[in-house]
């Protein structure tokens, strides 16, 4: 939207902006992912030391916190394989944030 508002013309079609995220799914299949809830929680899991009790005492359910922490941990090997990215926060996915990827490590 920002690009369209600051351009002299419609650069990105409104249909692309307003359609729900699909994560490259089949036609008429949608992603039930609630970005407004999950995104802030993922930010907190990454940027703050993980403390499940604090996150669960906030507005997040125990199941959601556990699921996201599990998904982040099992994807650690993917971050090791990827090219280094730029650092845009204090606690990014770079070398300053590494978890063991063997022996089912759980912090």
PDB file of N, CA and C in Angstrom:
ATOM      1  N   UNK A   1       0.827  -1.192   0.000  1.00  0.00           N
ATOM      2  CA  UNK A   1       0.000   0.000   0.000  1.00  0.00           C
ATOM      3  C   UNK A   1       0.870   1.253   0.000  1.00  0.00           C
ATOM      4  N   UNK A   2       1.957   1.211   0.770  1.00  0.00           N
ATOM      5  CA  UNK A   2       2.822   2.382   0.839  1.00  0.00           C
ATOM      6  C   UNK A   2       3.378   2.705  -0.537  1.00  0.00           C
ATOM      7  N   UNK A   3       3.771   1.683  -1.268  1.00  0.00           N
ATOM      8  CA  UNK A   3       4.326   1.901  -2.607  1.00  0.00           C
ATOM      9  C   UNK A   3       3.285   2.544  -3.505  1.00  0.00           C
ATOM     10  N   UNK A   4       2.066   2.033  -3.480  1.00  0.00           N
ATOM     11  CA  UNK A   4       1.012   2.612  -4.316  1.00  0.00           C
ATOM     12  C   UNK A   4       0.683   4.038  -3.900  1.00  0.00           C
ATOM     13  N   UNK A   5       0.687   4.319  -2.606  1.00  0.00           N
ATOM     14  CA  UNK A   5       0.368   5.666  -2.131  1.00  0.00           C
ATOM     15  C   UNK A   5       1.446   6.667  -2.512  1.00  0.00           C
ATOM     16  N   UNK A   6       2.678   6.222  -2.612  1.00  0.00           N
ATOM     17  CA  UNK A   6       3.779   7.129  -2.915  1.00  0.00           C
ATOM     18  C   UNK A   6       4.212   7.110  -4.374  1.00  0.00           C
ATOM     19  N   UNK A   7       3.503   6.380  -5.190  1.00  0.00           N
ATOM     20  CA  UNK A   7       3.802   6.346  -6.625  1.00  0.00           C
ATOM     21  C   UNK A   7       2.724   7.125  -7.374  1.00  0.00           C
ATOM     22  N   UNK A   8       3.018   7.451  -8.588  1.00  0.00           N
ATOM     23  CA  UNK A   8       2.053   8.173  -9.417  1.00  0.00           C
ATOM     24  C   UNK A   8       1.023   7.239 -10.030  1.00  0.00           C
ATOM     25  N   UNK A   9       1.205   5.959  -9.834  1.00  0.00           N
ATOM     26  CA  UNK A   9       0.304   4.983 -10.436  1.00  0.00           C
ATOM     27  C   UNK A   9       0.193   3.764  -9.518  1.00  0.00           C
ATOM     28  N   UNK A  10      -0.700   2.854  -9.876  1.00  0.00           N
ATOM     29  CA  UNK A  10      -0.849   1.625  -9.104  1.00  0.00           C
ATOM     30  C   UNK A  10       0.255   0.651  -9.508  1.00  0.00           C
ATOM     31  N   UNK A  11       1.244   0.479  -8.640  1.00  0.00           N
ATOM     32  CA  UNK A  11       2.372  -0.399  -8.920  1.00  0.00           C
ATOM     33  C   UNK A  11       2.005  -1.843  -8.580  1.00  0.00           C
ATOM     34  N   UNK A  12       1.396  -2.025  -7.425  1.00  0.00           N
ATOM     35  CA  UNK A  12       0.967  -3.349  -6.975  1.00  0.00           C
ATOM     36  C   UNK A  12      -0.555  -3.384  -7.031  1.00  0.00           C
ATOM     37  N   UNK A  13      -1.135  -4.313  -7.769  1.00  0.00           N
ATOM     38  CA  UNK A  13      -2.596  -4.366  -7.869  1.00  0.00           C
ATOM     39  C   UNK A  13      -3.244  -4.561  -6.502  1.00  0.00           C
ATOM     40  N   UNK A  14      -4.372  -3.903  -6.294  1.00  0.00           N
ATOM     41  CA  UNK A  14      -5.079  -4.004  -5.021  1.00  0.00           C
ATOM     42  C   UNK A  14      -5.501  -5.445  -4.732  1.00  0.00           C
ATOM     43  N   UNK A  15      -5.785  -6.202  -5.770  1.00  0.00           N
ATOM     44  CA  UNK A  15      -6.175  -7.606  -5.567  1.00  0.00           C
ATOM     45  C   UNK A  15      -5.041  -8.413  -4.929  1.00  0.00           C
ATOM     46  N   UNK A  16      -3.802  -8.055  -5.226  1.00  0.00           N
ATOM     47  CA  UNK A  16      -2.658  -8.747  -4.615  1.00  0.00           C
ATOM     48  C   UNK A  16      -2.486  -8.348  -3.160  1.00  0.00           C
ATOM     49  N   UNK A  17      -2.811  -7.101  -2.853  1.00  0.00           N
ATOM     50  CA  UNK A  17      -2.655  -6.605  -1.484  1.00  0.00           C
ATOM     51  C   UNK A  17      -3.764  -7.127  -0.583  1.00  0.00           C
ATOM     52  N   UNK A  18      -4.990  -7.158  -1.076  1.00  0.00           N
ATOM     53  CA  UNK A  18      -6.128  -7.496  -0.228  1.00  0.00           C
ATOM     54  C   UNK A  18      -6.419  -8.992  -0.133  1.00  0.00           C
ATOM     55  N   UNK A  19      -5.803  -9.805  -0.971  1.00  0.00           N
ATOM     56  CA  UNK A  19      -6.079 -11.245  -0.904  1.00  0.00           C
ATOM     57  C   UNK A  19      -5.392 -11.844   0.314  1.00  0.00           C
ATOM     58  N   UNK A  20      -6.017 -12.822   0.955  1.00  0.00           N
ATOM     59  CA  UNK A  20      -5.405 -13.437   2.138  1.00  0.00           C
ATOM     60  C   UNK A  20      -4.133 -14.194   1.773  1.00  0.00           C
ATOM     61  N   UNK A  21      -3.179 -14.276   2.705  1.00  0.00           N
ATOM     62  CA  UNK A  21      -1.944 -15.009   2.431  1.00  0.00           C
ATOM     63  C   UNK A  21      -2.253 -16.458   2.072  1.00  0.00           C
ATOM     64  N   UNK A  22      -1.538 -16.980   1.088  1.00  0.00           N
ATOM     65  CA  UNK A  22      -1.832 -18.341   0.645  1.00  0.00           C
ATOM     66  C   UNK A  22      -0.643 -19.284   0.777  1.00  0.00           C
ATOM     67  N   UNK A  23       0.540 -18.778   1.002  1.00  0.00           N
ATOM     68  CA  UNK A  23       1.742 -19.607   1.165  1.00  0.00           C
ATOM     69  C   UNK A  23       1.894 -20.620   0.036  1.00  0.00           C
ATOM     70  N   UNK A  24       1.624 -20.182  -1.167  1.00  0.00           N
ATOM     71  CA  UNK A  24       1.744 -21.022  -2.363  1.00  0.00           C
ATOM     72  C   UNK A  24       0.917 -22.296  -2.262  1.00  0.00           C
ATOM     73  N   UNK A  25      -0.300 -22.154  -1.772  1.00  0.00           N
ATOM     74  CA  UNK A  25      -1.189 -23.298  -1.651  1.00  0.00           C
ATOM     75  C   UNK A  25      -1.991 -23.482  -2.930  1.00  0.00           C
ATOM     76  N   UNK A  26      -2.771 -24.528  -2.961  1.00  0.00           N
ATOM     77  CA  UNK A  26      -3.620 -24.817  -4.110  1.00  0.00           C
ATOM     78  C   UNK A  26      -4.694 -23.740  -4.255  1.00  0.00           C
ATOM     79  N   UNK A  27      -5.307 -23.630  -5.436  1.00  0.00           N
ATOM     80  CA  UNK A  27      -6.410 -22.671  -5.602  1.00  0.00           C
ATOM     81  C   UNK A  27      -7.526 -22.938  -4.588  1.00  0.00           C
ATOM     82  N   UNK A  28      -8.085 -21.868  -4.060  1.00  0.00           N
ATOM     83  CA  UNK A  28      -9.168 -21.895  -3.064  1.00  0.00           C
ATOM     84  C   UNK A  28      -8.744 -22.495  -1.724  1.00  0.00           C
ATOM     85  N   UNK A  29      -7.469 -22.696  -1.508  1.00  0.00           N
ATOM     86  CA  UNK A  29      -6.978 -23.165  -0.219  1.00  0.00           C
ATOM     87  C   UNK A  29      -6.301 -21.984   0.456  1.00  0.00           C
ATOM     88  N   UNK A  30      -6.630 -21.719   1.720  1.00  0.00           N
ATOM     89  CA  UNK A  30      -6.061 -20.571   2.419  1.00  0.00           C
ATOM     90  C   UNK A  30      -5.229 -21.036   3.600  1.00  0.00           C
ATOM     91  N   UNK A  31      -4.371 -20.161   4.049  1.00  0.00           N
ATOM     92  CA  UNK A  31      -3.509 -20.426   5.185  1.00  0.00           C
ATOM     93  C   UNK A  31      -4.217 -19.927   6.441  1.00  0.00           C
ATOM     94  N   UNK A  32      -4.536 -20.792   7.408  1.00  0.00           N
ATOM     95  CA  UNK A  32      -5.253 -20.351   8.601  1.00  0.00           C
ATOM     96  C   UNK A  32      -4.358 -19.647   9.614  1.00  0.00           C
ATOM     97  N   UNK A  33      -3.165 -19.294   9.223  1.00  0.00           N
ATOM     98  CA  UNK A  33      -2.172 -18.668  10.080  1.00  0.00           C
ATOM     99  C   UNK A  33      -2.640 -17.274  10.491  1.00  0.00           C
ATOM    100  N   UNK A  34      -2.705 -16.982  11.774  1.00  0.00           N
ATOM    101  CA  UNK A  34      -3.141 -15.676  12.269  1.00  0.00           C
ATOM    102  C   UNK A  34      -1.906 -14.808  12.511  1.00  0.00           C
ATOM    103  N   UNK A  35      -1.506 -14.065  11.487  1.00  0.00           N
ATOM    104  CA  UNK A  35      -0.270 -13.281  11.538  1.00  0.00           C
ATOM    105  C   UNK A  35      -0.292 -12.220  12.638  1.00  0.00           C
ATOM    106  N   UNK A  36      -1.458 -11.660  12.937  1.00  0.00           N
ATOM    107  CA  UNK A  36      -1.538 -10.604  13.958  1.00  0.00           C
ATOM    108  C   UNK A  36      -1.250 -11.143  15.353  1.00  0.00           C
ATOM    109  N   UNK A  37      -1.474 -12.408  15.578  1.00  0.00           N
ATOM    110  CA  UNK A  37      -1.184 -13.026  16.876  1.00  0.00           C
ATOM    111  C   UNK A  37       0.218 -13.633  16.881  1.00  0.00           C
ATOM    112  N   UNK A  38       0.553 -14.355  15.825  1.00  0.00           N
ATOM    113  CA  UNK A  38       1.793 -15.127  15.793  1.00  0.00           C
ATOM    114  C   UNK A  38       3.033 -14.249  15.621  1.00  0.00           C
ATOM    115  N   UNK A  39       2.958 -13.231  14.797  1.00  0.00           N
ATOM    116  CA  UNK A  39       4.130 -12.402  14.519  1.00  0.00           C
ATOM    117  C   UNK A  39       4.711 -11.750  15.778  1.00  0.00           C
ATOM    118  N   UNK A  40       3.890 -11.098  16.623  1.00  0.00           N
ATOM    119  CA  UNK A  40       4.475 -10.527  17.849  1.00  0.00           C
ATOM    120  C   UNK A  40       5.043 -11.590  18.788  1.00  0.00           C
ATOM    121  N   UNK A  41       4.408 -12.749  18.826  1.00  0.00           N
ATOM    122  CA  UNK A  41       4.905 -13.819  19.691  1.00  0.00           C
ATOM    123  C   UNK A  41       6.247 -14.341  19.193  1.00  0.00           C
ATOM    124  N   UNK A  42       6.394 -14.532  17.897  1.00  0.00           N
ATOM    125  CA  UNK A  42       7.671 -14.977  17.340  1.00  0.00           C
ATOM    126  C   UNK A  42       8.751 -13.933  17.617  1.00  0.00           C
ATOM    127  N   UNK A  43       8.412 -12.650  17.475  1.00  0.00           N
ATOM    128  CA  UNK A  43       9.373 -11.591  17.797  1.00  0.00           C
ATOM    129  C   UNK A  43       9.853 -11.703  19.238  1.00  0.00           C
ATOM    130  N   UNK A  44       8.933 -11.966  20.158  1.00  0.00           N
ATOM    131  CA  UNK A  44       9.316 -12.077  21.567  1.00  0.00           C
ATOM    132  C   UNK A  44      10.148 -13.322  21.829  1.00  0.00           C
ATOM    133  N   UNK A  45       9.797 -14.422  21.191  1.00  0.00           N
ATOM    134  CA  UNK A  45      10.560 -15.659  21.385  1.00  0.00           C
ATOM    135  C   UNK A  45      11.994 -15.473  20.913  1.00  0.00           C
ATOM    136  N   UNK A  46      12.174 -14.758  19.810  1.00  0.00           N
ATOM    137  CA  UNK A  46      13.506 -14.569  19.240  1.00  0.00           C
ATOM    138  C   UNK A  46      14.294 -13.501  19.982  1.00  0.00           C
ATOM    139  N   UNK A  47      13.660 -12.384  20.321  1.00  0.00           N
ATOM    140  CA  UNK A  47      14.398 -11.241  20.861  1.00  0.00           C
ATOM    141  C   UNK A  47      14.634 -11.309  22.365  1.00  0.00           C
ATOM    142  N   UNK A  48      13.796 -12.021  23.099  1.00  0.00           N
ATOM    143  CA  UNK A  48      13.947 -12.107  24.545  1.00  0.00           C
ATOM    144  C   UNK A  48      14.372 -13.524  24.914  1.00  0.00           C
ATOM    145  N   UNK A  49      15.053 -13.664  26.033  1.00  0.00           N
ATOM    146  CA  UNK A  49      15.345 -15.028  26.477  1.00  0.00           C
ATOM    147  C   UNK A  49      14.033 -15.790  26.642  1.00  0.00           C
ATOM    148  N   UNK A  50      14.010 -16.986  26.138  1.00  0.00           N
ATOM    149  CA  UNK A  50      12.777 -17.770  26.139  1.00  0.00           C
ATOM    150  C   UNK A  50      12.383 -18.153  27.554  1.00  0.00           C
ATOM    151  N   UNK A  51      11.207 -17.721  27.961  1.00  0.00           N
ATOM    152  CA  UNK A  51      10.645 -18.109  29.239  1.00  0.00           C
ATOM    153  C   UNK A  51       9.182 -18.447  28.995  1.00  0.00           C
ATOM    154  N   UNK A  52       8.911 -19.726  28.879  1.00  0.00           N
ATOM    155  CA  UNK A  52       7.573 -20.196  28.522  1.00  0.00           C
ATOM    156  C   UNK A  52       6.508 -19.701  29.494  1.00  0.00           C
ATOM    157  N   UNK A  53       6.816 -19.662  30.780  1.00  0.00           N
ATOM    158  CA  UNK A  53       5.823 -19.247  31.772  1.00  0.00           C
ATOM    159  C   UNK A  53       5.396 -17.802  31.580  1.00  0.00           C
ATOM    160  N   UNK A  54       6.348 -16.923  31.279  1.00  0.00           N
ATOM    161  CA  UNK A  54       6.012 -15.513  31.074  1.00  0.00           C
ATOM    162  C   UNK A  54       5.137 -15.358  29.839  1.00  0.00           C
ATOM    163  N   UNK A  55       5.509 -16.017  28.748  1.00  0.00           N
ATOM    164  CA  UNK A  55       4.727 -15.914  27.520  1.00  0.00           C
ATOM    165  C   UNK A  55       3.330 -16.483  27.706  1.00  0.00           C
ATOM    166  N   UNK A  56       3.211 -17.584  28.434  1.00  0.00           N
ATOM    167  CA  UNK A  56       1.899 -18.186  28.657  1.00  0.00           C
ATOM    168  C   UNK A  56       1.045 -17.334  29.585  1.00  0.00           C
ATOM    169  N   UNK A  57       1.665 -16.612  30.507  1.00  0.00           N
ATOM    170  CA  UNK A  57       0.904 -15.751  31.400  1.00  0.00           C
ATOM    171  C   UNK A  57       0.408 -14.504  30.692  1.00  0.00           C
ATOM    172  N   UNK A  58       1.029 -14.169  29.570  1.00  0.00           N
ATOM    173  CA  UNK A  58       0.524 -13.072  28.750  1.00  0.00           C
ATOM    174  C   UNK A  58      -0.709 -13.589  28.016  1.00  0.00           C
ATOM    175  N   UNK A  59      -1.011 -13.015  26.887  1.00  0.00           N
ATOM    176  CA  UNK A  59      -2.238 -13.384  26.181  1.00  0.00           C
ATOM    177  C   UNK A  59      -2.101 -14.638  25.320  1.00  0.00           C
ATOM    178  N   UNK A  60      -1.005 -15.360  25.419  1.00  0.00           N
ATOM    179  CA  UNK A  60      -0.757 -16.498  24.540  1.00  0.00           C
ATOM    180  C   UNK A  60      -1.052 -17.823  25.234  1.00  0.00           C
ATOM    181  N   UNK A  61      -1.612 -18.757  24.500  1.00  0.00           N
ATOM    182  CA  UNK A  61      -1.919 -20.071  25.064  1.00  0.00           C
ATOM    183  C   UNK A  61      -0.654 -20.924  25.139  1.00  0.00           C
ATOM    184  N   UNK A  62      -0.674 -21.867  26.045  1.00  0.00           N
ATOM    185  CA  UNK A  62       0.462 -22.767  26.226  1.00  0.00           C
ATOM    186  C   UNK A  62       0.731 -23.568  24.959  1.00  0.00           C
ATOM    187  N   UNK A  63      -0.320 -24.022  24.302  1.00  0.00           N
ATOM    188  CA  UNK A  63      -0.160 -24.824  23.079  1.00  0.00           C
ATOM    189  C   UNK A  63       0.486 -24.014  21.967  1.00  0.00           C
ATOM    190  N   UNK A  64       0.073 -22.757  21.810  1.00  0.00           N
ATOM    191  CA  UNK A  64       0.631 -21.913  20.757  1.00  0.00           C
ATOM    192  C   UNK A  64       2.102 -21.609  21.024  1.00  0.00           C
ATOM    193  N   UNK A  65       2.436 -21.271  22.260  1.00  0.00           N
ATOM    194  CA  UNK A  65       3.829 -20.981  22.615  1.00  0.00           C
ATOM    195  C   UNK A  65       4.699 -22.208  22.359  1.00  0.00           C
ATOM    196  N   UNK A  66       4.263 -23.360  22.821  1.00  0.00           N
ATOM    197  CA  UNK A  66       5.042 -24.590  22.625  1.00  0.00           C
ATOM    198  C   UNK A  66       5.201 -24.924  21.151  1.00  0.00           C
ATOM    199  N   UNK A  67       4.135 -24.761  20.377  1.00  0.00           N
ATOM    200  CA  UNK A  67       4.188 -25.070  18.945  1.00  0.00           C
ATOM    201  C   UNK A  67       5.185 -24.176  18.216  1.00  0.00           C
ATOM    202  N   UNK A  68       5.153 -22.878  18.508  1.00  0.00           N
ATOM    203  CA  UNK A  68       6.047 -21.955  17.814  1.00  0.00           C
ATOM    204  C   UNK A  68       7.503 -22.149  18.222  1.00  0.00           C
ATOM    205  N   UNK A  69       7.748 -22.370  19.494  1.00  0.00           N
ATOM    206  CA  UNK A  69       9.121 -22.620  19.942  1.00  0.00           C
ATOM    207  C   UNK A  69       9.645 -23.885  19.277  1.00  0.00           C
ATOM    208  N   UNK A  70       8.817 -24.903  19.200  1.00  0.00           N
ATOM    209  CA  UNK A  70       9.219 -26.152  18.540  1.00  0.00           C
ATOM    210  C   UNK A  70       9.549 -25.909  17.070  1.00  0.00           C
ATOM    211  N   UNK A  71       8.705 -25.166  16.370  1.00  0.00           N
ATOM    212  CA  UNK A  71       8.942 -24.904  14.945  1.00  0.00           C
ATOM    213  C   UNK A  71      10.219 -24.098  14.725  1.00  0.00           C
ATOM    214  N   UNK A  72      10.469 -23.136  15.601  1.00  0.00           N
ATOM    215  CA  UNK A  72      11.690 -22.334  15.475  1.00  0.00           C
ATOM    216  C   UNK A  72      12.912 -23.210  15.711  1.00  0.00           C
ATOM    217  N   UNK A  73      12.864 -24.045  16.726  1.00  0.00           N
ATOM    218  CA  UNK A  73      14.007 -24.902  17.056  1.00  0.00           C
ATOM    219  C   UNK A  73      14.284 -25.934  15.967  1.00  0.00           C
ATOM    220  N   UNK A  74      13.240 -26.563  15.415  1.00  0.00           N
ATOM    221  CA  UNK A  74      13.496 -27.598  14.403  1.00  0.00           C
ATOM    222  C   UNK A  74      13.898 -26.995  13.064  1.00  0.00           C
ATOM    223  N   UNK A  75      13.757 -25.686  12.915  1.00  0.00           N
ATOM    224  CA  UNK A  75      14.172 -25.020  11.678  1.00  0.00           C
ATOM    225  C   UNK A  75      15.565 -24.417  11.788  1.00  0.00           C
ATOM    226  N   UNK A  76      16.222 -24.619  12.907  1.00  0.00           N
ATOM    227  CA  UNK A  76      17.546 -24.027  13.125  1.00  0.00           C
ATOM    228  C   UNK A  76      18.533 -24.459  12.045  1.00  0.00           C
ATOM    229  N   UNK A  77      18.476 -25.712  11.617  1.00  0.00           N
ATOM    230  CA  UNK A  77      19.422 -26.179  10.601  1.00  0.00           C
ATOM    231  C   UNK A  77      19.258 -25.421   9.289  1.00  0.00           C
ATOM    232  N   UNK A  78      18.037 -24.974   8.993  1.00  0.00           N
ATOM    233  CA  UNK A  78      17.807 -24.216   7.758  1.00  0.00           C
ATOM    234  C   UNK A  78      18.540 -22.877   7.801  1.00  0.00           C
ATOM    235  N   UNK A  79      18.562 -22.257   8.977  1.00  0.00           N
ATOM    236  CA  UNK A  79      19.269 -20.980   9.108  1.00  0.00           C
ATOM    237  C   UNK A  79      20.774 -21.174   8.965  1.00  0.00           C
ATOM    238  N   UNK A  80      21.280 -22.310   9.388  1.00  0.00           N
ATOM    239  CA  UNK A  80      22.710 -22.586   9.237  1.00  0.00           C
ATOM    240  C   UNK A  80      23.083 -22.777   7.775  1.00  0.00           C
ATOM    241  N   UNK A  81      22.162 -23.327   6.984  1.00  0.00           N
ATOM    242  CA  UNK A  81      22.431 -23.588   5.570  1.00  0.00           C
ATOM    243  C   UNK A  81      22.289 -22.337   4.713  1.00  0.00           C
ATOM    244  N   UNK A  82      21.523 -21.380   5.179  1.00  0.00           N
ATOM    245  CA  UNK A  82      21.250 -20.181   4.384  1.00  0.00           C
ATOM    246  C   UNK A  82      22.445 -19.233   4.394  1.00  0.00           C
ATOM    247  N   UNK A  83      22.481 -18.383   3.398  1.00  0.00           N
ATOM    248  CA  UNK A  83      23.516 -17.346   3.350  1.00  0.00           C
ATOM    249  C   UNK A  83      23.281 -16.357   4.487  1.00  0.00           C
ATOM    250  N   UNK A  84      24.341 -15.747   5.020  1.00  0.00           N
ATOM    251  CA  UNK A  84      24.158 -14.773   6.097  1.00  0.00           C
ATOM    252  C   UNK A  84      23.293 -13.605   5.636  1.00  0.00           C
ATOM    253  N   UNK A  85      22.408 -13.185   6.499  1.00  0.00           N
ATOM    254  CA  UNK A  85      21.549 -12.046   6.190  1.00  0.00           C
ATOM    255  C   UNK A  85      22.000 -10.821   6.946  1.00  0.00           C
ATOM    256  N   UNK A  86      21.399  -9.697   6.633  1.00  0.00           N
ATOM    257  CA  UNK A  86      21.740  -8.478   7.359  1.00  0.00           C
ATOM    258  C   UNK A  86      21.095  -8.511   8.735  1.00  0.00           C
ATOM    259  N   UNK A  87      21.698  -7.835   9.667  1.00  0.00           N
ATOM    260  CA  UNK A  87      21.173  -7.795  11.027  1.00  0.00           C
ATOM    261  C   UNK A  87      20.304  -6.557  11.171  1.00  0.00           C
ATOM    262  N   UNK A  88      19.033  -6.766  11.504  1.00  0.00           N
ATOM    263  CA  UNK A  88      18.102  -5.646  11.610  1.00  0.00           C
ATOM    264  C   UNK A  88      17.535  -5.490  13.013  1.00  0.00           C
ATOM    265  N   UNK A  89      17.970  -6.326  13.948  1.00  0.00           N
ATOM    266  CA  UNK A  89      17.512  -6.203  15.327  1.00  0.00           C
ATOM    267  C   UNK A  89      18.636  -6.640  16.258  1.00  0.00           C
ATOM    268  N   UNK A  90      18.444  -6.403  17.545  1.00  0.00           N
ATOM    269  CA  UNK A  90      19.460  -6.775  18.521  1.00  0.00           C
ATOM    270  C   UNK A  90      19.697  -8.280  18.551  1.00  0.00           C
ATOM    271  N   UNK A  91      18.653  -9.044  18.346  1.00  0.00           N
ATOM    272  CA  UNK A  91      18.760 -10.503  18.427  1.00  0.00           C
ATOM    273  C   UNK A  91      18.222 -11.110  17.142  1.00  0.00           C
ATOM    274  N   UNK A  92      19.002 -11.048  16.099  1.00  0.00           N
ATOM    275  CA  UNK A  92      18.591 -11.591  14.807  1.00  0.00           C
ATOM    276  C   UNK A  92      18.942 -13.073  14.734  1.00  0.00           C
ATOM    277  N   UNK A  93      18.652 -13.697  13.602  1.00  0.00           N
ATOM    278  CA  UNK A  93      18.945 -15.112  13.409  1.00  0.00           C
ATOM    279  C   UNK A  93      20.381 -15.342  12.974  1.00  0.00           C
ATOM    280  N   UNK A  94      21.304 -14.519  13.375  1.00  0.00           N
ATOM    281  CA  UNK A  94      22.694 -14.663  12.948  1.00  0.00           C
ATOM    282  C   UNK A  94      23.502 -15.505  13.907  1.00  0.00           C
ATOM    283  N   UNK A  95      24.827 -15.317  13.879  1.00  0.00           N
ATOM    284  CA  UNK A  95      25.709 -16.125  14.722  1.00  0.00           C
ATOM    285  C   UNK A  95      25.525 -15.828  16.200  1.00  0.00           C
ATOM    286  N   UNK A  96      24.940 -14.698  16.550  1.00  0.00           N
ATOM    287  CA  UNK A  96      24.691 -14.384  17.945  1.00  0.00           C
ATOM    288  C   UNK A  96      23.546 -15.175  18.538  1.00  0.00           C
ATOM    289  N   UNK A  97      22.805 -15.879  17.712  1.00  0.00           N
ATOM    290  CA  UNK A  97      21.662 -16.666  18.172  1.00  0.00           C
ATOM    291  C   UNK A  97      21.773 -18.055  17.570  1.00  0.00           C
ATOM    292  N   UNK A  98      22.452 -18.931  18.257  1.00  0.00           N
ATOM    293  CA  UNK A  98      22.635 -20.294  17.758  1.00  0.00           C
ATOM    294  C   UNK A  98      22.203 -21.287  18.823  1.00  0.00           C
ATOM    295  N   UNK A  99      21.450 -22.262  18.396  1.00  0.00           N
ATOM    296  CA  UNK A  99      21.063 -23.361  19.270  1.00  0.00           C
ATOM    297  C   UNK A  99      21.613 -24.648  18.679  1.00  0.00           C
ATOM    298  N   UNK A 100      21.987 -25.605  19.515  1.00  0.00           N
ATOM    299  CA  UNK A 100      22.449 -26.885  18.986  1.00  0.00           C
ATOM    300  C   UNK A 100      21.371 -27.536  18.121  1.00  0.00           C
ATOM    301  N   UNK A 101      21.803 -28.241  17.072  1.00  0.00           N
ATOM    302  CA  UNK A 101      20.835 -28.846  16.161  1.00  0.00           C
ATOM    303  C   UNK A 101      20.843 -30.369  16.235  1.00  0.00           C
ATOM    304  N   UNK A 102      21.533 -30.930  17.214  1.00  0.00           N
ATOM    305  CA  UNK A 102      21.589 -32.385  17.347  1.00  0.00           C
ATOM    306  C   UNK A 102      21.075 -32.812  18.716  1.00  0.00           C
ATOM    307  N   UNK A 103      20.830 -34.089  18.874  1.00  0.00           N
ATOM    308  CA  UNK A 103      20.442 -34.687  20.152  1.00  0.00           C
ATOM    309  C   UNK A 103      19.172 -34.097  20.748  1.00  0.00           C
ATOM    310  N   UNK A 104      18.283 -33.608  19.908  1.00  0.00           N
ATOM    311  CA  UNK A 104      16.985 -33.081  20.361  1.00  0.00           C
ATOM    312  C   UNK A 104      17.150 -32.069  21.492  1.00  0.00           C
ATOM    313  N   UNK A 105      18.060 -31.121  21.313  1.00  0.00           N
ATOM    314  CA  UNK A 105      18.327 -30.084  22.312  1.00  0.00           C
ATOM    315  C   UNK A 105      17.052 -29.321  22.619  1.00  0.00           C
ATOM    316  N   UNK A 106      16.833 -29.045  23.886  1.00  0.00           N
ATOM    317  CA  UNK A 106      15.672 -28.263  24.307  1.00  0.00           C
ATOM    318  C   UNK A 106      16.101 -27.377  25.460  1.00  0.00           C
ATOM    319  N   UNK A 107      16.050 -26.065  25.256  1.00  0.00           N
ATOM    320  CA  UNK A 107      16.482 -25.130  26.296  1.00  0.00           C
ATOM    321  C   UNK A 107      15.431 -24.966  27.356  1.00  0.00           C
TER     322      UNK A 107
END
